[in-house]
N, C-alpha and C. Protein backbone atom coordinates (compact mmCIF):
# COMPACT_ATOMS: atom_id res chain seq x y z
N MET A 1 270.23 221.46 140.52
CA MET A 1 269.02 220.85 139.81
C MET A 1 267.92 221.93 139.89
N ALA A 2 267.29 222.10 138.75
CA ALA A 2 266.04 223.08 138.54
C ALA A 2 264.92 222.39 139.09
N ILE A 3 263.97 223.07 139.78
CA ILE A 3 262.86 222.38 140.27
C ILE A 3 261.54 222.99 139.61
N ASN A 4 260.50 222.17 139.51
CA ASN A 4 259.28 222.68 138.86
C ASN A 4 258.07 222.02 139.25
N GLY A 5 257.02 222.64 139.10
CA GLY A 5 255.82 222.00 139.51
C GLY A 5 255.68 221.85 141.00
N ILE A 6 256.28 222.47 141.94
CA ILE A 6 256.26 222.12 143.33
C ILE A 6 254.93 222.73 143.89
N ASP A 7 254.23 222.05 144.62
CA ASP A 7 252.91 222.29 145.33
C ASP A 7 253.12 221.78 146.77
N LEU A 8 253.43 222.64 147.61
CA LEU A 8 253.71 222.08 148.96
C LEU A 8 253.14 222.98 150.05
N GLN A 9 252.58 222.44 151.00
CA GLN A 9 252.09 223.15 152.22
C GLN A 9 252.93 222.60 153.58
N ILE A 10 253.26 223.57 154.29
CA ILE A 10 253.84 223.33 155.57
C ILE A 10 252.87 223.72 156.66
N ARG A 11 252.74 222.73 157.61
CA ARG A 11 251.62 223.01 158.62
C ARG A 11 252.31 223.40 159.95
N ARG A 12 251.69 224.30 160.65
CA ARG A 12 252.31 224.77 161.85
C ARG A 12 252.51 223.65 162.96
N GLY A 13 253.67 223.65 163.54
CA GLY A 13 254.03 222.68 164.51
C GLY A 13 254.45 221.34 164.11
N GLU A 14 254.52 221.03 162.81
CA GLU A 14 254.84 219.73 162.24
C GLU A 14 256.32 219.80 161.82
N THR A 15 256.89 218.57 161.59
CA THR A 15 258.19 218.42 160.87
C THR A 15 257.78 217.73 159.50
N LEU A 16 257.95 218.50 158.45
CA LEU A 16 257.78 218.06 157.07
C LEU A 16 259.13 217.59 156.57
N GLY A 17 259.19 216.36 156.44
CA GLY A 17 260.41 215.69 155.76
C GLY A 17 260.38 215.75 154.28
N ILE A 18 261.50 216.27 153.73
CA ILE A 18 261.57 216.20 152.33
C ILE A 18 262.86 215.28 151.98
N VAL A 19 262.61 214.06 151.29
CA VAL A 19 263.61 213.16 151.13
C VAL A 19 263.72 212.78 149.66
N GLY A 20 264.95 212.52 149.15
CA GLY A 20 265.19 212.19 147.82
C GLY A 20 266.79 211.97 147.60
N GLU A 21 267.14 211.38 146.63
CA GLU A 21 268.47 211.05 146.45
C GLU A 21 269.26 212.39 146.29
N SER A 22 270.69 212.28 146.27
CA SER A 22 271.37 213.44 145.97
C SER A 22 271.22 214.12 144.62
N GLY A 23 271.15 215.40 144.60
CA GLY A 23 271.01 216.05 143.29
C GLY A 23 269.51 216.10 142.61
N CYS A 24 268.54 215.83 143.54
CA CYS A 24 267.16 215.81 143.02
C CYS A 24 266.58 217.29 143.21
N GLY A 25 267.20 218.15 143.89
CA GLY A 25 266.78 219.44 144.00
C GLY A 25 266.32 219.95 145.43
N LYS A 26 266.61 219.17 146.38
CA LYS A 26 266.14 219.33 147.93
C LYS A 26 266.78 220.68 148.28
N SER A 27 268.09 220.87 148.10
CA SER A 27 268.71 222.11 148.48
C SER A 27 268.29 223.41 147.84
N THR A 28 268.00 223.22 146.48
CA THR A 28 267.31 224.26 145.69
C THR A 28 266.08 224.69 146.29
N LEU A 29 265.23 223.74 146.70
CA LEU A 29 263.95 224.05 147.31
C LEU A 29 264.08 224.83 148.67
N ALA A 30 265.19 224.34 149.41
CA ALA A 30 265.42 225.06 150.69
C ALA A 30 265.80 226.53 150.54
N GLN A 31 266.65 226.85 149.32
CA GLN A 31 267.02 228.14 149.24
C GLN A 31 265.79 228.99 148.71
N LEU A 32 264.79 228.33 147.96
CA LEU A 32 263.67 229.08 147.64
C LEU A 32 262.89 229.44 148.79
N LEU A 33 262.74 228.48 149.77
CA LEU A 33 261.87 228.70 150.99
C LEU A 33 262.46 229.80 151.78
N MET A 34 263.78 229.99 151.74
CA MET A 34 264.40 230.81 152.64
C MET A 34 264.54 232.29 151.83
N GLY A 35 264.19 232.37 150.69
CA GLY A 35 264.24 233.58 149.81
C GLY A 35 265.52 233.75 149.24
N MET A 36 266.42 232.89 149.26
CA MET A 36 267.78 233.04 148.77
C MET A 36 267.72 232.82 147.22
N LEU A 37 266.71 232.33 146.75
CA LEU A 37 266.54 232.27 145.23
C LEU A 37 265.07 232.65 145.03
N GLN A 38 264.77 233.22 143.90
CA GLN A 38 263.40 233.61 143.50
C GLN A 38 262.93 232.72 142.50
N PRO A 39 261.59 232.22 142.60
CA PRO A 39 261.08 231.38 141.57
C PRO A 39 260.91 232.08 140.20
N SER A 40 261.30 231.43 139.04
CA SER A 40 261.08 232.05 137.73
C SER A 40 259.47 232.05 137.37
N HIS A 41 258.72 231.23 137.92
CA HIS A 41 257.27 231.23 137.74
C HIS A 41 256.62 230.76 138.93
N GLY A 42 255.36 231.17 139.14
CA GLY A 42 254.48 230.79 140.34
C GLY A 42 254.72 231.74 141.54
N GLN A 43 254.09 231.29 142.52
CA GLN A 43 254.14 232.11 143.81
C GLN A 43 254.56 231.37 144.99
N TYR A 44 255.15 232.05 145.91
CA TYR A 44 255.52 231.59 147.25
C TYR A 44 254.75 232.30 148.20
N ILE A 45 253.75 231.70 148.88
CA ILE A 45 252.86 232.43 149.83
C ILE A 45 253.13 231.93 151.26
N ARG A 46 253.44 232.86 152.02
CA ARG A 46 253.51 232.60 153.55
C ARG A 46 252.23 233.06 154.23
N SER A 47 251.85 232.10 155.20
CA SER A 47 250.63 232.57 156.05
C SER A 47 251.01 233.56 157.03
N GLY A 48 250.68 234.79 156.84
CA GLY A 48 250.99 235.89 157.66
C GLY A 48 252.30 236.56 157.28
N SER A 49 252.28 237.97 157.42
CA SER A 49 253.34 238.69 156.85
C SER A 49 254.68 238.80 157.83
N GLN A 50 254.49 238.37 159.07
CA GLN A 50 255.51 238.45 160.08
C GLN A 50 256.23 237.15 160.26
N ARG A 51 255.90 236.09 159.56
CA ARG A 51 256.66 234.89 159.80
C ARG A 51 258.10 234.99 159.64
N ILE A 52 258.85 234.33 160.59
CA ILE A 52 260.21 234.33 160.52
C ILE A 52 260.74 233.04 160.25
N MET A 53 261.67 232.99 159.34
CA MET A 53 262.18 231.64 158.96
C MET A 53 263.86 231.67 159.04
N GLN A 54 264.37 230.71 159.53
CA GLN A 54 265.79 230.48 159.61
C GLN A 54 266.16 229.14 159.08
N MET A 55 267.45 229.06 158.90
CA MET A 55 268.06 227.71 158.30
C MET A 55 269.17 227.29 159.15
N VAL A 56 269.32 226.02 159.10
CA VAL A 56 270.52 225.30 159.76
C VAL A 56 271.10 224.52 158.57
N PHE A 57 272.34 224.86 158.19
CA PHE A 57 272.98 224.25 157.01
C PHE A 57 273.58 223.02 157.29
N GLN A 58 274.14 222.26 156.20
CA GLN A 58 274.55 220.98 156.22
C GLN A 58 275.98 220.90 156.90
N ASP A 59 276.82 221.84 156.61
CA ASP A 59 278.13 221.95 157.03
C ASP A 59 278.30 223.08 158.07
N PRO A 60 278.34 222.71 159.43
CA PRO A 60 278.41 223.88 160.46
C PRO A 60 279.64 224.73 160.35
N LEU A 61 280.79 224.07 159.97
CA LEU A 61 281.98 224.82 159.92
C LEU A 61 282.08 225.97 158.79
N SER A 62 281.50 225.57 157.64
CA SER A 62 281.48 226.63 156.58
C SER A 62 280.40 227.67 156.68
N SER A 63 279.38 227.39 157.66
CA SER A 63 278.27 228.28 157.79
C SER A 63 278.59 229.29 158.95
N LEU A 64 279.63 229.11 159.67
CA LEU A 64 280.00 229.94 160.83
C LEU A 64 281.23 230.83 160.35
N ASN A 65 281.03 232.11 160.89
CA ASN A 65 282.15 233.08 160.49
C ASN A 65 283.42 232.67 161.43
N PRO A 66 284.42 232.34 160.79
CA PRO A 66 285.69 231.84 161.64
C PRO A 66 286.34 232.90 162.44
N ARG A 67 285.92 234.22 162.16
CA ARG A 67 286.64 235.29 162.78
C ARG A 67 285.88 235.87 164.00
N LEU A 68 284.69 235.34 164.17
CA LEU A 68 283.71 235.92 165.31
C LEU A 68 283.77 234.92 166.44
N PRO A 69 283.73 235.41 167.65
CA PRO A 69 283.48 234.55 168.92
C PRO A 69 282.00 234.02 168.75
N VAL A 70 281.78 232.85 169.49
CA VAL A 70 280.51 232.18 169.36
C VAL A 70 279.41 233.04 169.78
N TRP A 71 279.44 233.90 170.73
CA TRP A 71 278.41 234.66 171.24
C TRP A 71 277.82 235.65 170.13
N ARG A 72 278.86 236.11 169.38
CA ARG A 72 278.48 237.09 168.35
C ARG A 72 277.73 236.27 167.16
N ILE A 73 278.32 235.05 166.92
CA ILE A 73 277.77 234.25 165.86
C ILE A 73 276.28 234.01 166.15
N ILE A 74 276.04 233.51 167.32
CA ILE A 74 274.81 233.18 167.77
C ILE A 74 273.61 234.34 167.65
N THR A 75 274.17 235.53 168.12
CA THR A 75 273.22 236.66 168.15
C THR A 75 273.26 237.52 166.78
N GLU A 76 273.94 236.96 165.74
CA GLU A 76 274.08 237.80 164.47
C GLU A 76 272.86 238.25 163.82
N PRO A 77 271.84 237.28 163.80
CA PRO A 77 270.46 237.53 163.29
C PRO A 77 269.81 238.67 164.07
N LEU A 78 270.01 238.69 165.34
CA LEU A 78 269.44 239.68 166.18
C LEU A 78 270.08 241.06 166.06
N TRP A 79 271.37 241.16 165.77
CA TRP A 79 272.07 242.40 165.49
C TRP A 79 271.64 242.87 164.24
N ILE A 80 271.58 242.03 163.11
CA ILE A 80 271.08 242.60 161.90
C ILE A 80 269.75 243.09 162.03
N ALA A 81 268.81 242.48 162.70
CA ALA A 81 267.40 242.92 162.71
C ALA A 81 267.19 244.15 163.57
N LYS A 82 267.71 244.12 164.82
CA LYS A 82 267.29 245.07 165.73
C LYS A 82 268.47 245.94 166.28
N ARG A 83 269.72 245.73 166.01
CA ARG A 83 270.90 246.27 166.45
C ARG A 83 270.85 246.39 168.13
N SER A 84 270.67 245.20 168.69
CA SER A 84 270.49 245.14 170.10
C SER A 84 271.81 245.45 170.80
N SER A 85 271.89 245.86 171.96
CA SER A 85 273.24 246.15 172.64
C SER A 85 274.00 244.93 172.84
N GLU A 86 275.37 245.05 173.18
CA GLU A 86 276.16 243.90 173.41
C GLU A 86 275.75 243.18 174.65
N GLN A 87 275.31 243.88 175.71
CA GLN A 87 274.76 243.27 176.90
C GLN A 87 273.56 242.28 176.71
N GLN A 88 272.66 242.90 175.90
CA GLN A 88 271.38 242.02 175.51
C GLN A 88 271.90 240.90 174.81
N ARG A 89 272.77 241.16 173.75
CA ARG A 89 273.17 239.90 172.97
C ARG A 89 273.93 238.81 173.67
N ARG A 90 274.76 239.22 174.57
CA ARG A 90 275.51 238.30 175.43
C ARG A 90 274.58 237.57 176.26
N ALA A 91 273.61 238.21 176.86
CA ALA A 91 272.62 237.42 177.76
C ALA A 91 271.81 236.44 176.99
N LEU A 92 271.47 236.87 175.77
CA LEU A 92 270.71 235.89 174.91
C LEU A 92 271.58 234.76 174.54
N ALA A 93 272.80 235.03 174.10
CA ALA A 93 273.75 233.99 173.74
C ALA A 93 273.87 232.97 174.88
N GLU A 94 274.05 233.34 176.11
CA GLU A 94 274.17 232.53 177.24
C GLU A 94 272.92 231.67 177.40
N GLU A 95 271.75 232.36 177.26
CA GLU A 95 270.51 231.52 177.48
C GLU A 95 270.45 230.46 176.39
N LEU A 96 270.63 230.84 175.16
CA LEU A 96 270.57 229.80 174.02
C LEU A 96 271.60 228.76 174.10
N ALA A 97 272.78 229.18 174.63
CA ALA A 97 273.85 228.15 174.71
C ALA A 97 273.46 227.07 175.57
N VAL A 98 272.93 227.40 176.74
CA VAL A 98 272.49 226.41 177.74
C VAL A 98 271.32 225.41 177.13
N GLN A 99 270.48 226.07 176.37
CA GLN A 99 269.41 225.33 175.79
C GLN A 99 269.83 224.23 174.69
N VAL A 100 270.96 224.60 174.06
CA VAL A 100 271.49 223.68 173.04
C VAL A 100 272.66 222.85 173.50
N GLY A 101 273.02 223.01 174.76
CA GLY A 101 274.13 222.17 175.31
C GLY A 101 275.57 222.63 175.11
N ILE A 102 275.70 223.96 174.94
CA ILE A 102 276.99 224.60 174.96
C ILE A 102 277.28 225.40 176.19
N ARG A 103 278.42 225.06 176.82
CA ARG A 103 278.73 225.74 178.22
C ARG A 103 279.02 227.27 177.95
N PRO A 104 278.25 228.16 178.75
CA PRO A 104 278.39 229.65 178.50
C PRO A 104 279.71 230.14 178.61
N GLU A 105 280.70 229.57 179.36
CA GLU A 105 281.98 229.95 179.47
C GLU A 105 282.81 229.78 178.26
N TYR A 106 282.25 229.07 177.35
CA TYR A 106 282.97 228.90 175.90
C TYR A 106 282.49 229.84 174.85
N LEU A 107 281.66 230.77 175.22
CA LEU A 107 281.03 231.72 174.15
C LEU A 107 282.12 232.68 173.62
N ASP A 108 283.21 232.86 174.22
CA ASP A 108 284.20 233.92 173.64
C ASP A 108 285.33 233.23 172.78
N ARG A 109 285.05 231.79 172.57
CA ARG A 109 285.91 231.02 171.66
C ARG A 109 285.54 231.13 170.27
N LEU A 110 286.34 230.85 169.40
CA LEU A 110 286.11 230.88 167.90
C LEU A 110 285.67 229.50 167.52
N PRO A 111 284.93 229.41 166.30
CA PRO A 111 284.38 227.99 165.89
C PRO A 111 285.36 226.98 165.79
N HIS A 112 286.48 227.28 165.43
CA HIS A 112 287.59 226.14 165.13
C HIS A 112 287.83 225.49 166.42
N ALA A 113 287.51 225.94 167.65
CA ALA A 113 287.74 225.32 168.92
C ALA A 113 286.76 224.33 169.25
N PHE A 114 285.76 224.18 168.36
CA PHE A 114 284.68 223.24 168.85
C PHE A 114 284.63 222.04 167.96
N SER A 115 284.02 220.93 168.38
CA SER A 115 283.79 219.75 167.55
C SER A 115 282.77 219.93 166.54
N GLY A 116 282.52 219.00 165.55
CA GLY A 116 281.56 219.16 164.44
C GLY A 116 280.18 219.21 165.24
N GLY A 117 279.86 218.35 166.07
CA GLY A 117 278.66 218.41 166.87
C GLY A 117 278.33 219.68 167.60
N GLN A 118 279.34 220.23 168.21
CA GLN A 118 279.22 221.47 169.04
C GLN A 118 279.02 222.56 168.01
N ARG A 119 279.63 222.55 166.87
CA ARG A 119 279.45 223.65 165.86
C ARG A 119 277.91 223.68 165.48
N GLN A 120 277.37 222.49 165.11
CA GLN A 120 275.93 222.31 164.73
C GLN A 120 275.09 222.95 165.83
N ARG A 121 275.43 222.69 167.03
CA ARG A 121 274.53 223.19 168.26
C ARG A 121 274.75 224.77 168.21
N ILE A 122 275.86 225.21 167.82
CA ILE A 122 275.93 226.70 167.75
C ILE A 122 275.08 227.32 166.58
N ALA A 123 275.13 226.60 165.43
CA ALA A 123 274.33 226.87 164.36
C ALA A 123 272.81 226.95 164.69
N ILE A 124 272.40 225.80 165.42
CA ILE A 124 270.99 225.83 165.95
C ILE A 124 270.66 226.98 166.81
N ALA A 125 271.62 227.23 167.74
CA ALA A 125 271.31 228.40 168.62
C ALA A 125 271.24 229.67 167.77
N ARG A 126 272.02 229.96 166.82
CA ARG A 126 271.91 231.09 165.86
C ARG A 126 270.56 231.08 165.35
N ALA A 127 270.15 230.00 164.72
CA ALA A 127 268.71 230.01 164.19
C ALA A 127 267.63 230.34 165.14
N LEU A 128 267.79 229.95 166.32
CA LEU A 128 266.79 230.36 167.40
C LEU A 128 266.83 231.70 167.95
N SER A 129 267.93 232.42 167.59
CA SER A 129 268.09 233.68 168.27
C SER A 129 267.07 234.82 167.79
N SER A 130 266.55 234.59 166.48
CA SER A 130 265.53 235.55 166.13
C SER A 130 264.10 235.14 166.30
N GLN A 131 263.87 234.05 167.22
CA GLN A 131 262.60 233.49 167.53
C GLN A 131 261.85 233.15 166.30
N PRO A 132 262.30 232.20 165.44
CA PRO A 132 261.62 231.96 164.14
C PRO A 132 260.40 231.09 164.39
N ASP A 133 259.44 231.23 163.46
CA ASP A 133 258.30 230.25 163.42
C ASP A 133 258.77 228.95 162.74
N VAL A 134 259.45 228.96 161.64
CA VAL A 134 259.90 227.87 160.85
C VAL A 134 261.45 227.81 160.83
N ILE A 135 261.96 226.62 160.89
CA ILE A 135 263.34 226.44 160.61
C ILE A 135 263.52 225.33 159.50
N VAL A 136 264.34 225.74 158.50
CA VAL A 136 264.64 224.71 157.42
C VAL A 136 265.87 224.13 157.75
N LEU A 137 265.93 222.82 157.93
CA LEU A 137 267.01 222.00 158.29
C LEU A 137 267.62 221.26 157.04
N ASP A 138 268.65 221.81 156.55
CA ASP A 138 269.22 221.12 155.30
C ASP A 138 270.21 220.25 155.58
N GLU A 139 269.94 218.90 155.58
CA GLU A 139 270.89 217.90 155.86
C GLU A 139 271.69 218.14 157.09
N PRO A 140 270.95 218.45 158.34
CA PRO A 140 271.61 218.96 159.47
C PRO A 140 272.60 218.00 160.12
N THR A 141 272.61 216.80 159.79
CA THR A 141 273.51 215.69 160.51
C THR A 141 274.39 215.13 159.57
N SER A 142 274.15 215.23 158.23
CA SER A 142 275.05 214.45 157.18
C SER A 142 276.54 214.61 157.31
N ALA A 143 276.91 215.91 157.96
CA ALA A 143 278.41 216.15 157.95
C ALA A 143 278.90 215.66 159.33
N LEU A 144 278.19 214.97 160.21
CA LEU A 144 278.57 214.69 161.50
C LEU A 144 278.86 213.20 161.73
N ASP A 145 279.65 212.86 162.74
CA ASP A 145 279.97 211.47 163.13
C ASP A 145 278.60 210.81 163.36
N ILE A 146 278.56 209.52 163.18
CA ILE A 146 277.19 208.75 163.32
C ILE A 146 277.02 208.92 164.84
N SER A 147 277.94 208.86 165.72
CA SER A 147 277.76 208.87 167.19
C SER A 147 276.98 210.21 167.76
N VAL A 148 277.20 211.19 166.85
CA VAL A 148 276.72 212.56 167.29
C VAL A 148 275.35 212.79 166.62
N GLN A 149 275.15 212.22 165.51
CA GLN A 149 273.80 212.52 164.88
C GLN A 149 272.61 212.37 165.61
N ALA A 150 272.56 211.23 166.30
CA ALA A 150 271.26 211.05 167.14
C ALA A 150 271.15 212.15 168.15
N GLN A 151 272.25 212.56 168.85
CA GLN A 151 272.20 213.65 169.75
C GLN A 151 271.54 215.00 169.27
N ILE A 152 272.01 215.39 168.11
CA ILE A 152 271.49 216.44 167.41
C ILE A 152 270.13 216.37 167.02
N LEU A 153 269.62 215.29 166.47
CA LEU A 153 268.30 215.09 166.14
C LEU A 153 267.38 215.07 167.42
N ASN A 154 267.89 214.51 168.58
CA ASN A 154 267.09 214.50 169.83
C ASN A 154 266.94 215.94 170.26
N LEU A 155 267.98 216.66 170.12
CA LEU A 155 267.98 218.08 170.49
C LEU A 155 266.99 218.94 169.81
N LEU A 156 266.98 218.67 168.36
CA LEU A 156 265.93 219.31 167.64
C LEU A 156 264.57 219.10 168.06
N VAL A 157 264.29 217.78 168.37
CA VAL A 157 262.91 217.21 168.78
C VAL A 157 262.52 218.15 170.17
N THR A 158 263.54 218.12 170.96
CA THR A 158 263.22 218.79 172.37
C THR A 158 262.90 220.19 172.18
N LEU A 159 263.75 220.96 171.23
CA LEU A 159 263.46 222.33 171.03
C LEU A 159 262.21 222.54 170.26
N GLN A 160 261.79 221.71 169.45
CA GLN A 160 260.52 221.86 168.70
C GLN A 160 259.33 221.75 169.72
N VAL A 161 259.43 220.93 170.80
CA VAL A 161 258.37 220.56 171.62
C VAL A 161 258.20 221.91 172.61
N ASN A 162 259.50 222.41 173.06
CA ASN A 162 259.53 223.37 174.04
C ASN A 162 259.12 224.76 173.41
N ARG A 163 259.45 224.93 172.12
CA ARG A 163 259.27 226.18 171.46
C ARG A 163 258.11 226.34 170.47
N GLY A 164 257.51 225.04 170.18
CA GLY A 164 256.36 225.09 169.26
C GLY A 164 256.93 225.34 167.79
N LEU A 165 257.98 224.94 167.48
CA LEU A 165 258.62 225.19 166.14
C LEU A 165 258.01 224.33 165.04
N THR A 166 258.10 224.83 163.86
CA THR A 166 257.77 224.08 162.65
C THR A 166 259.15 223.85 161.99
N TYR A 167 259.39 222.56 161.50
CA TYR A 167 260.57 222.19 160.70
C TYR A 167 260.28 221.77 159.29
N VAL A 168 261.15 222.23 158.38
CA VAL A 168 261.17 221.58 157.13
C VAL A 168 262.68 220.80 157.12
N LEU A 169 262.54 219.47 157.18
CA LEU A 169 263.67 218.74 157.26
C LEU A 169 264.03 218.04 155.86
N ILE A 170 265.22 218.31 155.42
CA ILE A 170 265.68 218.03 153.98
C ILE A 170 266.87 216.98 154.27
N SER A 171 266.56 215.76 153.64
CA SER A 171 267.62 214.78 153.88
C SER A 171 267.49 213.64 152.76
N HIS A 172 268.60 212.98 152.51
CA HIS A 172 268.55 211.93 151.65
C HIS A 172 268.62 210.53 152.55
N ASN A 173 268.75 210.77 153.88
CA ASN A 173 268.86 209.67 154.69
C ASN A 173 267.52 209.27 155.31
N VAL A 174 267.00 208.23 154.97
CA VAL A 174 265.63 207.68 155.38
C VAL A 174 265.67 207.43 156.81
N SER A 175 266.74 207.16 157.51
CA SER A 175 266.69 207.02 159.00
C SER A 175 266.40 208.20 159.69
N VAL A 176 266.97 209.37 159.23
CA VAL A 176 266.88 210.72 159.87
C VAL A 176 265.36 211.17 159.60
N ILE A 177 264.76 210.84 158.42
CA ILE A 177 263.34 211.18 158.19
C ILE A 177 262.52 210.35 159.15
N ARG A 178 262.80 209.13 159.24
CA ARG A 178 262.11 208.26 160.17
C ARG A 178 262.00 208.71 161.54
N HIS A 179 263.14 209.31 162.05
CA HIS A 179 263.16 209.73 163.41
C HIS A 179 262.41 210.90 163.62
N MET A 180 262.44 211.79 162.61
CA MET A 180 261.85 213.20 162.86
C MET A 180 260.47 213.46 162.30
N SER A 181 260.07 213.01 161.18
CA SER A 181 258.98 213.53 160.41
C SER A 181 257.61 213.19 160.83
N ASP A 182 256.65 214.15 160.68
CA ASP A 182 255.23 213.81 160.74
C ASP A 182 254.64 213.47 159.35
N ARG A 183 255.12 214.23 158.33
CA ARG A 183 254.67 214.06 157.00
C ARG A 183 255.98 213.93 156.11
N VAL A 184 255.92 213.26 155.06
CA VAL A 184 257.08 213.13 154.12
C VAL A 184 256.69 213.45 152.71
N ALA A 185 257.56 214.38 152.05
CA ALA A 185 257.46 214.61 150.68
C ALA A 185 258.63 214.00 149.96
N VAL A 186 258.21 213.31 148.93
CA VAL A 186 259.40 212.66 148.20
C VAL A 186 259.72 213.47 146.93
N MET A 187 260.99 213.80 146.68
CA MET A 187 261.49 214.63 145.57
C MET A 187 262.20 213.58 144.57
N TYR A 188 262.00 213.79 143.33
CA TYR A 188 262.57 213.06 142.24
C TYR A 188 262.77 214.06 140.97
N LEU A 189 264.01 214.29 140.67
CA LEU A 189 264.31 215.02 139.38
C LEU A 189 263.53 216.41 139.44
N GLY A 190 263.71 217.05 140.56
CA GLY A 190 263.14 218.43 140.68
C GLY A 190 261.69 218.52 140.94
N GLN A 191 261.05 217.48 141.22
CA GLN A 191 259.60 217.47 141.49
C GLN A 191 259.21 216.83 142.86
N ILE A 192 258.15 217.16 143.48
CA ILE A 192 257.55 216.51 144.46
C ILE A 192 256.71 215.47 143.96
N VAL A 193 257.05 214.12 144.05
CA VAL A 193 256.38 213.04 143.28
C VAL A 193 255.20 212.42 144.28
N ARG A 194 255.40 212.64 145.61
CA ARG A 194 254.52 212.03 146.44
C ARG A 194 254.56 212.78 147.84
N THR A 195 253.40 212.93 148.45
CA THR A 195 253.44 213.45 149.83
C THR A 195 252.57 212.59 150.68
N GLY A 196 252.94 212.08 151.80
CA GLY A 196 252.03 211.19 152.65
C GLY A 196 252.30 211.46 154.09
N ARG A 197 251.30 211.08 154.84
CA ARG A 197 251.40 211.09 156.32
C ARG A 197 252.46 210.17 156.81
N ARG A 198 253.36 210.57 157.55
CA ARG A 198 254.38 209.79 158.16
C ARG A 198 253.94 208.64 158.90
N ALA A 199 252.96 208.65 159.63
CA ALA A 199 252.50 207.39 160.47
C ALA A 199 251.91 206.31 159.80
N THR A 200 251.07 206.59 158.62
CA THR A 200 250.42 205.58 157.96
C THR A 200 251.07 205.26 156.62
N GLY A 201 251.91 206.09 156.01
CA GLY A 201 252.24 205.71 154.56
C GLY A 201 251.26 205.85 153.58
N THR A 202 250.26 206.70 153.88
CA THR A 202 249.16 206.88 152.93
C THR A 202 248.91 208.40 152.58
N ASP A 203 248.06 208.69 151.66
CA ASP A 203 247.97 210.13 151.31
C ASP A 203 246.66 210.68 151.95
N GLY A 204 246.07 209.94 152.86
CA GLY A 204 245.00 210.41 153.66
C GLY A 204 243.71 209.63 153.15
N SER A 205 243.65 209.10 151.90
CA SER A 205 242.46 208.40 151.41
C SER A 205 242.71 206.89 151.62
N GLY A 206 243.84 206.46 152.19
CA GLY A 206 244.12 205.04 152.22
C GLY A 206 244.80 204.50 151.29
N THR A 207 245.14 205.31 150.23
CA THR A 207 246.04 204.85 149.13
C THR A 207 247.48 204.94 149.47
N SER A 208 248.16 203.77 149.13
CA SER A 208 249.62 203.80 149.47
C SER A 208 250.27 204.83 148.74
N VAL A 209 251.41 205.51 149.23
CA VAL A 209 252.07 206.56 148.55
C VAL A 209 253.48 205.83 148.14
N HIS A 210 254.39 206.71 147.94
CA HIS A 210 255.81 206.22 147.47
C HIS A 210 256.31 205.23 148.45
N PRO A 211 257.10 204.14 147.94
CA PRO A 211 257.54 203.11 148.72
C PRO A 211 258.51 203.78 149.93
N ILE A 212 259.15 204.88 149.66
CA ILE A 212 260.02 205.40 150.76
C ILE A 212 259.04 205.78 151.93
N ILE A 213 257.95 206.27 151.67
CA ILE A 213 257.02 206.70 152.87
C ILE A 213 256.36 205.43 153.50
N ALA A 214 255.87 204.54 152.49
CA ALA A 214 255.29 203.32 153.04
C ALA A 214 256.04 202.47 153.82
N GLY A 215 257.36 202.51 153.58
CA GLY A 215 258.28 201.61 154.36
C GLY A 215 258.83 202.11 155.72
N LEU A 216 258.29 203.34 156.13
CA LEU A 216 258.60 204.00 157.27
C LEU A 216 257.63 203.72 158.45
N PRO A 217 258.21 203.09 159.61
CA PRO A 217 257.30 202.92 160.70
C PRO A 217 256.90 204.12 161.32
N PRO A 218 255.83 204.10 162.22
CA PRO A 218 255.48 205.38 162.83
C PRO A 218 256.43 205.95 163.65
N ARG A 219 256.40 207.33 163.69
CA ARG A 219 257.24 208.21 164.65
C ARG A 219 256.98 207.97 166.01
N HIS A 220 258.00 207.77 166.79
CA HIS A 220 257.85 207.69 168.21
C HIS A 220 258.07 208.83 169.09
């Protein structure tokens, strides 16, 4: 889906939820934010030239190199950016594995040896390895069992608090947006049709915004 007329601000330390039905352009927007696509018109401006952005994809299995051990996958961004030594990368992989709930002794295993939830934890650790300011979460739980989804969302909240992260959370699942977001932007047919504060369902002036936002109770 082509997107147009997007005017969006992401504030430091918040979770901006982007919600909309499948095919409305959410994933295209994620690729634009990450620089994987270039806009045909307009500008994409980041505050500060050194901002680091990373992404956690919808399907953890397809986003992880099946031939690499987990410690190499986790530290791949660091290797690309700095060519750090194997010793440094292993130490970082162990540290991040603990933070996301993966046992360090499993780091020499390949991705297929892990469950879907564990693979998404590995993908999150990989995103953290370059110490990003912003992480784009593209449907991070939609490929997971329901029993695992809440665990991953709670992990993301904990990491955000501990690391001061900013999230752009993309989902068609209103329950996920309800659990995570401070503000919500509603996409429809390639456009942002409404943006509102998550806690009030208003645009800041007291005017009710899109029903998807207005129907969400406050974030806990």
